[in-house]
Amino acid sequence: PCFTITLSLPQTTLLLKLVKQKVNFSLDALRNTLIWLPLGLMVG
């Protein structure tokens, strides 16, 4: 069987926004990790 998913324009916009938020969160987490690695040593 073949399944077809059709998204409306608002649904597509919402999906893209969620993906963007997820990507931004991952980038923020990576950036914070790279920042705190040397800062943690600088304190410790």
PDB file of all heavy atoms in Angstrom:
ATOM      1  N   PRO A   1       0.829  -1.206   0.000  1.00  0.00           N
ATOM      2  CA  PRO A   1       0.000   0.000   0.000  1.00  0.00           C
ATOM      3  C   PRO A   1       0.862   1.253   0.000  1.00  0.00           C
ATOM      4  O   PRO A   1       1.928   1.294   0.616  1.00  0.00           O
ATOM      5  CB  PRO A   1      -0.787  -0.129   1.304  1.00  0.00           C
ATOM      6  CG  PRO A   1       0.022  -1.031   2.162  1.00  0.00           C
ATOM      7  CD  PRO A   1       0.683  -1.986   1.226  1.00  0.00           C
ATOM      8  N   CYS A   2       0.396   2.256  -0.635  1.00  0.00           N
ATOM      9  CA  CYS A   2       1.130   3.522  -0.744  1.00  0.00           C
ATOM     10  C   CYS A   2       0.391   4.594   0.043  1.00  0.00           C
ATOM     11  O   CYS A   2      -0.817   4.758  -0.122  1.00  0.00           O
ATOM     12  CB  CYS A   2       1.261   3.933  -2.222  1.00  0.00           C
ATOM     13  SG  CYS A   2       2.176   5.473  -2.452  1.00  0.00           S
ATOM     14  N   PHE A   3       1.143   5.272   0.921  1.00  0.00           N
ATOM     15  CA  PHE A   3       0.532   6.308   1.749  1.00  0.00           C
ATOM     16  C   PHE A   3       1.046   7.670   1.276  1.00  0.00           C
ATOM     17  O   PHE A   3       2.238   7.850   1.061  1.00  0.00           O
ATOM     18  CB  PHE A   3       0.901   6.114   3.223  1.00  0.00           C
ATOM     19  CG  PHE A   3       0.374   4.816   3.788  1.00  0.00           C
ATOM     20  CD1 PHE A   3       1.182   3.690   3.818  1.00  0.00           C
ATOM     21  CD2 PHE A   3      -0.925   4.732   4.252  1.00  0.00           C
ATOM     22  CE1 PHE A   3       0.713   2.505   4.334  1.00  0.00           C
ATOM     23  CE2 PHE A   3      -1.403   3.532   4.781  1.00  0.00           C
ATOM     24  CZ  PHE A   3      -0.585   2.423   4.814  1.00  0.00           C
ATOM     25  N   THR A   4       0.175   8.589   1.162  1.00  0.00           N
ATOM     26  CA  THR A   4       0.532   9.938   0.725  1.00  0.00           C
ATOM     27  C   THR A   4       0.128  10.929   1.799  1.00  0.00           C
ATOM     28  O   THR A   4      -1.011  10.893   2.290  1.00  0.00           O
ATOM     29  CB  THR A   4      -0.176  10.306  -0.585  1.00  0.00           C
ATOM     30  OG1 THR A   4       0.158   9.342  -1.576  1.00  0.00           O
ATOM     31  CG2 THR A   4       0.247  11.693  -1.043  1.00  0.00           C
ATOM     32  N   ILE A   5       1.085  11.755   2.214  1.00  0.00           N
ATOM     33  CA  ILE A   5       0.806  12.773   3.224  1.00  0.00           C
ATOM     34  C   ILE A   5       0.836  14.129   2.537  1.00  0.00           C
ATOM     35  O   ILE A   5       1.834  14.516   1.920  1.00  0.00           O
ATOM     36  CB  ILE A   5       1.848  12.732   4.348  1.00  0.00           C
ATOM     37  CG1 ILE A   5       1.821  11.362   5.040  1.00  0.00           C
ATOM     38  CG2 ILE A   5       1.596  13.843   5.361  1.00  0.00           C
ATOM     39  CD1 ILE A   5       2.874  11.209   6.102  1.00  0.00           C
ATOM     40  N   THR A   6      -0.234  14.849   2.670  1.00  0.00           N
ATOM     41  CA  THR A   6      -0.342  16.167   2.063  1.00  0.00           C
ATOM     42  C   THR A   6      -0.418  17.213   3.160  1.00  0.00           C
ATOM     43  O   THR A   6      -1.265  17.124   4.062  1.00  0.00           O
ATOM     44  CB  THR A   6      -1.600  16.264   1.183  1.00  0.00           C
ATOM     45  OG1 THR A   6      -1.560  15.213   0.209  1.00  0.00           O
ATOM     46  CG2 THR A   6      -1.668  17.622   0.507  1.00  0.00           C
ATOM     47  N   LEU A   7       0.502  18.141   3.131  1.00  0.00           N
ATOM     48  CA  LEU A   7       0.538  19.198   4.134  1.00  0.00           C
ATOM     49  C   LEU A   7       0.084  20.503   3.531  1.00  0.00           C
ATOM     50  O   LEU A   7       0.466  20.860   2.403  1.00  0.00           O
ATOM     51  CB  LEU A   7       1.957  19.363   4.686  1.00  0.00           C
ATOM     52  CG  LEU A   7       2.547  18.162   5.454  1.00  0.00           C
ATOM     53  CD1 LEU A   7       3.988  18.478   5.831  1.00  0.00           C
ATOM     54  CD2 LEU A   7       1.731  17.833   6.671  1.00  0.00           C
ATOM     55  N   SER A   8      -0.730  21.229   4.299  1.00  0.00           N
ATOM     56  CA  SER A   8      -1.133  22.557   3.867  1.00  0.00           C
ATOM     57  C   SER A   8       0.016  23.520   4.106  1.00  0.00           C
ATOM     58  O   SER A   8       0.996  23.194   4.786  1.00  0.00           O
ATOM     59  CB  SER A   8      -2.364  23.021   4.650  1.00  0.00           C
ATOM     60  OG  SER A   8      -2.042  23.133   6.027  1.00  0.00           O
ATOM     61  N   LEU A   9      -0.101  24.724   3.602  1.00  0.00           N
ATOM     62  CA  LEU A   9       0.953  25.728   3.756  1.00  0.00           C
ATOM     63  C   LEU A   9       1.208  26.069   5.228  1.00  0.00           C
ATOM     64  O   LEU A   9       2.365  26.110   5.658  1.00  0.00           O
ATOM     65  CB  LEU A   9       0.606  26.988   2.967  1.00  0.00           C
ATOM     66  CG  LEU A   9       1.663  28.121   3.004  1.00  0.00           C
ATOM     67  CD1 LEU A   9       2.989  27.626   2.460  1.00  0.00           C
ATOM     68  CD2 LEU A   9       1.164  29.327   2.212  1.00  0.00           C
ATOM     69  N   PRO A  10       0.152  26.299   6.043  1.00  0.00           N
ATOM     70  CA  PRO A  10       0.410  26.574   7.475  1.00  0.00           C
ATOM     71  C   PRO A  10       1.093  25.403   8.175  1.00  0.00           C
ATOM     72  O   PRO A  10       1.963  25.600   9.030  1.00  0.00           O
ATOM     73  CB  PRO A  10      -0.993  26.815   8.043  1.00  0.00           C
ATOM     74  CG  PRO A  10      -1.815  27.236   6.875  1.00  0.00           C
ATOM     75  CD  PRO A  10      -1.271  26.451   5.716  1.00  0.00           C
ATOM     76  N   GLN A  11       0.680  24.174   7.825  1.00  0.00           N
ATOM     77  CA  GLN A  11       1.308  23.008   8.450  1.00  0.00           C
ATOM     78  C   GLN A  11       2.772  22.899   8.061  1.00  0.00           C
ATOM     79  O   GLN A  11       3.629  22.560   8.876  1.00  0.00           O
ATOM     80  CB  GLN A  11       0.557  21.736   8.039  1.00  0.00           C
ATOM     81  CG  GLN A  11      -0.834  21.630   8.641  1.00  0.00           C
ATOM     82  CD  GLN A  11      -1.592  20.443   8.100  1.00  0.00           C
ATOM     83  OE1 GLN A  11      -1.463  20.117   6.912  1.00  0.00           O
ATOM     84  NE2 GLN A  11      -2.395  19.816   8.944  1.00  0.00           N
ATOM     85  N   THR A  12       3.064  23.184   6.773  1.00  0.00           N
ATOM     86  CA  THR A  12       4.450  23.143   6.306  1.00  0.00           C
ATOM     87  C   THR A  12       5.291  24.192   7.024  1.00  0.00           C
ATOM     88  O   THR A  12       6.416  23.937   7.435  1.00  0.00           O
ATOM     89  CB  THR A  12       4.495  23.383   4.788  1.00  0.00           C
ATOM     90  OG1 THR A  12       3.687  22.409   4.125  1.00  0.00           O
ATOM     91  CG2 THR A  12       5.918  23.294   4.278  1.00  0.00           C
ATOM     92  N   THR A  13       4.728  25.382   7.198  1.00  0.00           N
ATOM     93  CA  THR A  13       5.428  26.465   7.894  1.00  0.00           C
ATOM     94  C   THR A  13       5.727  26.090   9.340  1.00  0.00           C
ATOM     95  O   THR A  13       6.820  26.313   9.852  1.00  0.00           O
ATOM     96  CB  THR A  13       4.588  27.749   7.855  1.00  0.00           C
ATOM     97  OG1 THR A  13       4.295  28.085   6.505  1.00  0.00           O
ATOM     98  CG2 THR A  13       5.341  28.902   8.523  1.00  0.00           C
ATOM     99  N   LEU A  14       4.731  25.473  10.012  1.00  0.00           N
ATOM    100  CA  LEU A  14       4.909  25.061  11.397  1.00  0.00           C
ATOM    101  C   LEU A  14       5.983  23.987  11.517  1.00  0.00           C
ATOM    102  O   LEU A  14       6.828  24.023  12.416  1.00  0.00           O
ATOM    103  CB  LEU A  14       3.588  24.538  11.957  1.00  0.00           C
ATOM    104  CG  LEU A  14       3.623  23.999  13.407  1.00  0.00           C
ATOM    105  CD1 LEU A  14       4.057  25.108  14.357  1.00  0.00           C
ATOM    106  CD2 LEU A  14       2.256  23.451  13.792  1.00  0.00           C
ATOM    107  N   LEU A  15       5.983  23.025  10.580  1.00  0.00           N
ATOM    108  CA  LEU A  15       6.980  21.956  10.603  1.00  0.00           C
ATOM    109  C   LEU A  15       8.384  22.516  10.418  1.00  0.00           C
ATOM    110  O   LEU A  15       9.320  22.128  11.126  1.00  0.00           O
ATOM    111  CB  LEU A  15       6.664  20.939   9.500  1.00  0.00           C
ATOM    112  CG  LEU A  15       7.630  19.752   9.387  1.00  0.00           C
ATOM    113  CD1 LEU A  15       7.633  18.950  10.691  1.00  0.00           C
ATOM    114  CD2 LEU A  15       7.243  18.855   8.221  1.00  0.00           C
ATOM    115  N   LEU A  16       8.533  23.440   9.488  1.00  0.00           N
ATOM    116  CA  LEU A  16       9.842  24.054   9.259  1.00  0.00           C
ATOM    117  C   LEU A  16      10.318  24.838  10.479  1.00  0.00           C
ATOM    118  O   LEU A  16      11.511  24.837  10.817  1.00  0.00           O
ATOM    119  CB  LEU A  16       9.785  24.969   8.036  1.00  0.00           C
ATOM    120  CG  LEU A  16       9.623  24.277   6.681  1.00  0.00           C
ATOM    121  CD1 LEU A  16       9.419  25.311   5.584  1.00  0.00           C
ATOM    122  CD2 LEU A  16      10.833  23.405   6.371  1.00  0.00           C
ATOM    123  N   LYS A  17       9.365  25.494  11.147  1.00  0.00           N
ATOM    124  CA  LYS A  17       9.713  26.260  12.345  1.00  0.00           C
ATOM    125  C   LYS A  17      10.202  25.328  13.462  1.00  0.00           C
ATOM    126  O   LYS A  17      11.173  25.627  14.150  1.00  0.00           O
ATOM    127  CB  LYS A  17       8.503  27.050  12.816  1.00  0.00           C
ATOM    128  CG  LYS A  17       8.791  27.982  14.006  1.00  0.00           C
ATOM    129  CD  LYS A  17       7.550  28.753  14.440  1.00  0.00           C
ATOM    130  CE  LYS A  17       7.128  29.726  13.341  1.00  0.00           C
ATOM    131  NZ  LYS A  17       6.000  30.577  13.803  1.00  0.00           N
ATOM    132  N   LEU A  18       9.521  24.190  13.614  1.00  0.00           N
ATOM    133  CA  LEU A  18       9.922  23.228  14.634  1.00  0.00           C
ATOM    134  C   LEU A  18      11.312  22.658  14.349  1.00  0.00           C
ATOM    135  O   LEU A  18      12.132  22.479  15.255  1.00  0.00           O
ATOM    136  CB  LEU A  18       8.895  22.090  14.731  1.00  0.00           C
ATOM    137  CG  LEU A  18       7.527  22.474  15.308  1.00  0.00           C
ATOM    138  CD1 LEU A  18       6.559  21.293  15.180  1.00  0.00           C
ATOM    139  CD2 LEU A  18       7.657  22.884  16.771  1.00  0.00           C
ATOM    140  N   VAL A  19      11.563  22.359  13.080  1.00  0.00           N
ATOM    141  CA  VAL A  19      12.874  21.845  12.684  1.00  0.00           C
ATOM    142  C   VAL A  19      13.952  22.886  12.961  1.00  0.00           C
ATOM    143  O   VAL A  19      15.037  22.569  13.475  1.00  0.00           O
ATOM    144  CB  VAL A  19      12.870  21.443  11.198  1.00  0.00           C
ATOM    145  CG1 VAL A  19      14.288  21.116  10.736  1.00  0.00           C
ATOM    146  CG2 VAL A  19      11.954  20.254  10.970  1.00  0.00           C
ATOM    147  N   LYS A  20      13.647  24.143  12.640  1.00  0.00           N
ATOM    148  CA  LYS A  20      14.609  25.215  12.866  1.00  0.00           C
ATOM    149  C   LYS A  20      14.914  25.377  14.355  1.00  0.00           C
ATOM    150  O   LYS A  20      16.071  25.561  14.749  1.00  0.00           O
ATOM    151  CB  LYS A  20      14.063  26.522  12.295  1.00  0.00           C
ATOM    152  CG  LYS A  20      15.034  27.695  12.426  1.00  0.00           C
ATOM    153  CD  LYS A  20      14.451  28.961  11.816  1.00  0.00           C
ATOM    154  CE  LYS A  20      15.431  30.127  11.972  1.00  0.00           C
ATOM    155  NZ  LYS A  20      14.877  31.383  11.413  1.00  0.00           N
ATOM    156  N   GLN A  21      13.864  25.307  15.191  1.00  0.00           N
ATOM    157  CA  GLN A  21      14.063  25.415  16.635  1.00  0.00           C
ATOM    158  C   GLN A  21      14.938  24.279  17.155  1.00  0.00           C
ATOM    159  O   GLN A  21      15.801  24.478  18.006  1.00  0.00           O
ATOM    160  CB  GLN A  21      12.720  25.422  17.360  1.00  0.00           C
ATOM    161  CG  GLN A  21      11.908  26.695  17.149  1.00  0.00           C
ATOM    162  CD  GLN A  21      10.539  26.613  17.815  1.00  0.00           C
ATOM    163  OE1 GLN A  21      10.138  25.560  18.298  1.00  0.00           O
ATOM    164  NE2 GLN A  21       9.832  27.739  17.840  1.00  0.00           N
ATOM    165  N   LYS A  22      14.680  23.070  16.632  1.00  0.00           N
ATOM    166  CA  LYS A  22      15.467  21.910  17.064  1.00  0.00           C
ATOM    167  C   LYS A  22      16.927  22.076  16.673  1.00  0.00           C
ATOM    168  O   LYS A  22      17.841  21.794  17.465  1.00  0.00           O
ATOM    169  CB  LYS A  22      14.890  20.645  16.423  1.00  0.00           C
ATOM    170  CG  LYS A  22      15.538  19.358  16.903  1.00  0.00           C
ATOM    171  CD  LYS A  22      15.187  19.074  18.339  1.00  0.00           C
ATOM    172  CE  LYS A  22      15.707  17.710  18.773  1.00  0.00           C
ATOM    173  NZ  LYS A  22      15.432  17.440  20.187  1.00  0.00           N
ATOM    174  N   VAL A  23      17.170  22.554  15.454  1.00  0.00           N
ATOM    175  CA  VAL A  23      18.531  22.766  14.980  1.00  0.00           C
ATOM    176  C   VAL A  23      19.214  23.850  15.806  1.00  0.00           C
ATOM    177  O   VAL A  23      20.369  23.714  16.227  1.00  0.00           O
ATOM    178  CB  VAL A  23      18.541  23.129  13.486  1.00  0.00           C
ATOM    179  CG1 VAL A  23      19.934  23.575  13.056  1.00  0.00           C
ATOM    180  CG2 VAL A  23      18.084  21.945  12.653  1.00  0.00           C
ATOM    181  N   ASN A  24      18.469  24.958  16.082  1.00  0.00           N
ATOM    182  CA  ASN A  24      19.047  26.047  16.873  1.00  0.00           C
ATOM    183  C   ASN A  24      19.389  25.585  18.284  1.00  0.00           C
ATOM    184  O   ASN A  24      20.413  25.969  18.846  1.00  0.00           O
ATOM    185  CB  ASN A  24      18.078  27.228  16.941  1.00  0.00           C
ATOM    186  CG  ASN A  24      17.998  27.974  15.620  1.00  0.00           C
ATOM    187  OD1 ASN A  24      18.903  27.890  14.806  1.00  0.00           O
ATOM    188  ND2 ASN A  24      16.916  28.708  15.403  1.00  0.00           N
ATOM    189  N   PHE A  25      18.497  24.748  18.870  1.00  0.00           N
ATOM    190  CA  PHE A  25      18.763  24.226  20.207  1.00  0.00           C
ATOM    191  C   PHE A  25      20.024  23.361  20.205  1.00  0.00           C
ATOM    192  O   PHE A  25      20.859  23.456  21.102  1.00  0.00           O
ATOM    193  CB  PHE A  25      17.572  23.407  20.712  1.00  0.00           C
ATOM    194  CG  PHE A  25      17.835  22.714  22.024  1.00  0.00           C
ATOM    195  CD1 PHE A  25      17.769  23.411  23.215  1.00  0.00           C
ATOM    196  CD2 PHE A  25      18.162  21.360  22.056  1.00  0.00           C
ATOM    197  CE1 PHE A  25      18.026  22.793  24.432  1.00  0.00           C
ATOM    198  CE2 PHE A  25      18.420  20.736  23.265  1.00  0.00           C
ATOM    199  CZ  PHE A  25      18.345  21.445  24.452  1.00  0.00           C
ATOM    200  N   SER A  26      20.167  22.525  19.196  1.00  0.00           N
ATOM    201  CA  SER A  26      21.348  21.666  19.110  1.00  0.00           C
ATOM    202  C   SER A  26      22.613  22.490  18.941  1.00  0.00           C
ATOM    203  O   SER A  26      23.653  22.186  19.533  1.00  0.00           O
ATOM    204  CB  SER A  26      21.194  20.685  17.942  1.00  0.00           C
ATOM    205  OG  SER A  26      20.068  19.853  18.131  1.00  0.00           O
ATOM    206  N   LEU A  27      22.529  23.544  18.117  1.00  0.00           N
ATOM    207  CA  LEU A  27      23.692  24.405  17.918  1.00  0.00           C
ATOM    208  C   LEU A  27      24.038  25.152  19.205  1.00  0.00           C
ATOM    209  O   LEU A  27      25.218  25.319  19.539  1.00  0.00           O
ATOM    210  CB  LEU A  27      23.418  25.397  16.784  1.00  0.00           C
ATOM    211  CG  LEU A  27      23.337  24.791  15.374  1.00  0.00           C
ATOM    212  CD1 LEU A  27      22.938  25.861  14.368  1.00  0.00           C
ATOM    213  CD2 LEU A  27      24.668  24.157  14.978  1.00  0.00           C
ATOM    214  N   ASP A  28      22.989  25.619  19.935  1.00  0.00           N
ATOM    215  CA  ASP A  28      23.237  26.301  21.207  1.00  0.00           C
ATOM    216  C   ASP A  28      23.899  25.360  22.204  1.00  0.00           C
ATOM    217  O   ASP A  28      24.812  25.744  22.937  1.00  0.00           O
ATOM    218  CB  ASP A  28      21.919  26.830  21.796  1.00  0.00           C
ATOM    219  CG  ASP A  28      21.399  28.034  21.029  1.00  0.00           C
ATOM    220  OD1 ASP A  28      22.194  28.659  20.308  1.00  0.00           O
ATOM    221  OD2 ASP A  28      20.194  28.339  21.160  1.00  0.00           O
ATOM    222  N   ALA A  29      23.424  24.114  22.256  1.00  0.00           N
ATOM    223  CA  ALA A  29      23.996  23.128  23.171  1.00  0.00           C
ATOM    224  C   ALA A  29      25.456  22.871  22.821  1.00  0.00           C
ATOM    225  O   ALA A  29      26.318  22.787  23.715  1.00  0.00           O
ATOM    226  CB  ALA A  29      23.195  21.835  23.132  1.00  0.00           C
ATOM    227  N   LEU A  30      25.747  22.738  21.520  1.00  0.00           N
ATOM    228  CA  LEU A  30      27.118  22.517  21.087  1.00  0.00           C
ATOM    229  C   LEU A  30      27.993  23.719  21.412  1.00  0.00           C
ATOM    230  O   LEU A  30      29.118  23.573  21.906  1.00  0.00           O
ATOM    231  CB  LEU A  30      27.154  22.242  19.578  1.00  0.00           C
ATOM    232  CG  LEU A  30      28.543  22.043  18.962  1.00  0.00           C
ATOM    233  CD1 LEU A  30      29.238  20.846  19.594  1.00  0.00           C
ATOM    234  CD2 LEU A  30      28.427  21.863  17.444  1.00  0.00           C
ATOM    235  N   ARG A  31      27.463  24.927  21.175  1.00  0.00           N
ATOM    236  CA  ARG A  31      28.222  26.148  21.456  1.00  0.00           C
ATOM    237  C   ARG A  31      28.515  26.271  22.952  1.00  0.00           C
ATOM    238  O   ARG A  31      29.636  26.596  23.353  1.00  0.00           O
ATOM    239  CB  ARG A  31      27.451  27.366  20.954  1.00  0.00           C
ATOM    240  CG  ARG A  31      28.200  28.676  21.147  1.00  0.00           C
ATOM    241  CD  ARG A  31      27.581  29.818  20.346  1.00  0.00           C
ATOM    242  NE  ARG A  31      26.179  29.994  20.643  1.00  0.00           N
ATOM    243  CZ  ARG A  31      25.184  29.687  19.797  1.00  0.00           C
ATOM    244  NH1 ARG A  31      25.467  29.186  18.596  1.00  0.00           N
ATOM    245  NH2 ARG A  31      23.935  29.880  20.119  1.00  0.00           N
ATOM    246  N   ASN A  32      27.485  26.008  23.803  1.00  0.00           N
ATOM    247  CA  ASN A  32      27.683  26.087  25.250  1.00  0.00           C
ATOM    248  C   ASN A  32      28.713  25.069  25.726  1.00  0.00           C
ATOM    249  O   ASN A  32      29.520  25.346  26.621  1.00  0.00           O
ATOM    250  CB  ASN A  32      26.352  25.850  25.983  1.00  0.00           C
ATOM    251  CG  ASN A  32      25.427  27.051  25.886  1.00  0.00           C
ATOM    252  OD1 ASN A  32      25.885  28.171  25.745  1.00  0.00           O
ATOM    253  ND2 ASN A  32      24.137  26.812  25.955  1.00  0.00           N
ATOM    254  N   THR A  33      28.670  23.885  25.119  1.00  0.00           N
ATOM    255  CA  THR A  33      29.634  22.849  25.487  1.00  0.00           C
ATOM    256  C   THR A  33      31.052  23.288  25.151  1.00  0.00           C
ATOM    257  O   THR A  33      31.971  23.150  25.967  1.00  0.00           O
ATOM    258  CB  THR A  33      29.317  21.535  24.768  1.00  0.00           C
ATOM    259  OG1 THR A  33      27.997  21.105  25.120  1.00  0.00           O
ATOM    260  CG2 THR A  33      30.309  20.449  25.151  1.00  0.00           C
ATOM    261  N   LEU A  34      31.242  23.834  23.957  1.00  0.00           N
ATOM    262  CA  LEU A  34      32.566  24.275  23.537  1.00  0.00           C
ATOM    263  C   LEU A  34      33.060  25.457  24.374  1.00  0.00           C
ATOM    264  O   LEU A  34      34.259  25.594  24.619  1.00  0.00           O
ATOM    265  CB  LEU A  34      32.534  24.659  22.051  1.00  0.00           C
ATOM    266  CG  LEU A  34      32.287  23.505  21.073  1.00  0.00           C
ATOM    267  CD1 LEU A  34      32.174  24.027  19.648  1.00  0.00           C
ATOM    268  CD2 LEU A  34      33.400  22.461  21.184  1.00  0.00           C
ATOM    269  N   ILE A  35      32.112  26.294  24.837  1.00  0.00           N
ATOM    270  CA  ILE A  35      32.491  27.430  25.669  1.00  0.00           C
ATOM    271  C   ILE A  35      32.905  26.970  27.060  1.00  0.00           C
ATOM    272  O   ILE A  35      33.931  27.383  27.601  1.00  0.00           O
ATOM    273  CB  ILE A  35      31.331  28.449  25.770  1.00  0.00           C
ATOM    274  CG1 ILE A  35      31.133  29.171  24.424  1.00  0.00           C
ATOM    275  CG2 ILE A  35      31.596  29.474  26.878  1.00  0.00           C
ATOM    276  CD1 ILE A  35      29.925  30.075  24.398  1.00  0.00           C
ATOM    277  N   TRP A  36      32.094  26.059  27.648  1.00  0.00           N
ATOM    278  CA  TRP A  36      32.319  25.683  29.040  1.00  0.00           C
ATOM    279  C   TRP A  36      33.411  24.647  29.246  1.00  0.00           C
ATOM    280  O   TRP A  36      33.895  24.465  30.369  1.00  0.00           O
ATOM    281  CB  TRP A  36      31.017  25.208  29.672  1.00  0.00           C
ATOM    282  CG  TRP A  36      30.204  26.357  30.166  1.00  0.00           C
ATOM    283  CD1 TRP A  36      29.078  26.877  29.598  1.00  0.00           C
ATOM    284  CD2 TRP A  36      30.483  27.169  31.315  1.00  0.00           C
ATOM    285  NE1 TRP A  36      28.639  27.951  30.317  1.00  0.00           N
ATOM    286  CE2 TRP A  36      29.474  28.152  31.372  1.00  0.00           C
ATOM    287  CE3 TRP A  36      31.485  27.157  32.286  1.00  0.00           C
ATOM    288  CZ2 TRP A  36      29.444  29.110  32.371  1.00  0.00           C
ATOM    289  CZ3 TRP A  36      31.445  28.119  33.293  1.00  0.00           C
ATOM    290  CH2 TRP A  36      30.436  29.082  33.326  1.00  0.00           C
ATOM    291  N   LEU A  37      33.834  23.998  28.196  1.00  0.00           N
ATOM    292  CA  LEU A  37      34.963  23.083  28.353  1.00  0.00           C
ATOM    293  C   LEU A  37      36.205  23.810  28.856  1.00  0.00           C
ATOM    294  O   LEU A  37      36.790  23.422  29.877  1.00  0.00           O
ATOM    295  CB  LEU A  37      35.252  22.358  27.038  1.00  0.00           C
ATOM    296  CG  LEU A  37      34.391  21.127  26.749  1.00  0.00           C
ATOM    297  CD1 LEU A  37      34.652  20.621  25.340  1.00  0.00           C
ATOM    298  CD2 LEU A  37      34.687  20.025  27.774  1.00  0.00           C
ATOM    299  N   PRO A  38      36.639  24.882  28.216  1.00  0.00           N
ATOM    300  CA  PRO A  38      37.801  25.605  28.754  1.00  0.00           C
ATOM    301  C   PRO A  38      37.477  26.398  30.018  1.00  0.00           C
ATOM    302  O   PRO A  38      38.319  26.505  30.918  1.00  0.00           O
ATOM    303  CB  PRO A  38      38.203  26.537  27.602  1.00  0.00           C
ATOM    304  CG  PRO A  38      36.969  26.705  26.786  1.00  0.00           C
ATOM    305  CD  PRO A  38      36.233  25.410  26.886  1.00  0.00           C
ATOM    306  N   LEU A  39      36.229  26.937  30.113  1.00  0.00           N
ATOM    307  CA  LEU A  39      35.879  27.718  31.293  1.00  0.00           C
ATOM    308  C   LEU A  39      35.795  26.838  32.537  1.00  0.00           C
ATOM    309  O   LEU A  39      36.139  27.268  33.641  1.00  0.00           O
ATOM    310  CB  LEU A  39      34.549  28.451  31.075  1.00  0.00           C
ATOM    311  CG  LEU A  39      34.551  29.563  30.024  1.00  0.00           C
ATOM    312  CD1 LEU A  39      33.203  30.261  29.979  1.00  0.00           C
ATOM    313  CD2 LEU A  39      35.657  30.570  30.307  1.00  0.00           C
ATOM    314  N   GLY A  40      35.308  25.593  32.358  1.00  0.00           N
ATOM    315  CA  GLY A  40      35.259  24.667  33.477  1.00  0.00           C
ATOM    316  C   GLY A  40      36.647  24.380  34.012  1.00  0.00           C
ATOM    317  O   GLY A  40      36.873  24.317  35.222  1.00  0.00           O
ATOM    318  N   LEU A  41      37.605  24.207  33.112  1.00  0.00           N
ATOM    319  CA  LEU A  41      38.994  24.005  33.525  1.00  0.00           C
ATOM    320  C   LEU A  41      39.564  25.267  34.156  1.00  0.00           C
ATOM    321  O   LEU A  41      40.325  25.205  35.125  1.00  0.00           O
ATOM    322  CB  LEU A  41      39.845  23.590  32.321  1.00  0.00           C
ATOM    323  CG  LEU A  41      39.571  22.203  31.743  1.00  0.00           C
ATOM    324  CD1 LEU A  41      40.356  22.011  30.452  1.00  0.00           C
ATOM    325  CD2 LEU A  41      39.946  21.124  32.755  1.00  0.00           C
ATOM    326  N   MET A  42      39.177  26.420  33.612  1.00  0.00           N
ATOM    327  CA  MET A  42      39.667  27.692  34.121  1.00  0.00           C
ATOM    328  C   MET A  42      39.220  27.901  35.569  1.00  0.00           C
ATOM    329  O   MET A  42      39.924  28.521  36.370  1.00  0.00           O
ATOM    330  CB  MET A  42      39.161  28.835  33.240  1.00  0.00           C
ATOM    331  CG  MET A  42      39.827  30.166  33.495  1.00  0.00           C
ATOM    332  SD  MET A  42      39.416  31.382  32.213  1.00  0.00           S
ATOM    333  CE  MET A  42      37.727  31.774  32.659  1.00  0.00           C
ATOM    334  N   VAL A  43      38.044  27.384  35.915  1.00  0.00           N
ATOM    335  CA  VAL A  43      37.560  27.453  37.292  1.00  0.00           C
ATOM    336  C   VAL A  43      38.154  26.319  38.130  1.00  0.00           C
ATOM    337  O   VAL A  43      38.648  26.532  39.237  1.00  0.00           O
ATOM    338  CB  VAL A  43      36.017  27.394  37.336  1.00  0.00           C
ATOM    339  CG1 VAL A  43      35.527  27.240  38.773  1.00  0.00           C
ATOM    340  CG2 VAL A  43      35.413  28.639  36.701  1.00  0.00           C
ATOM    341  N   GLY A  44      38.105  25.104  37.601  1.00  0.00           N
ATOM    342  CA  GLY A  44      38.484  23.930  38.373  1.00  0.00           C
ATOM    343  C   GLY A  44      39.942  23.879  38.769  1.00  0.00           C
ATOM    344  O   GLY A  44      40.274  23.466  39.890  1.00  0.00           O
TER     345      GLY A  44
END
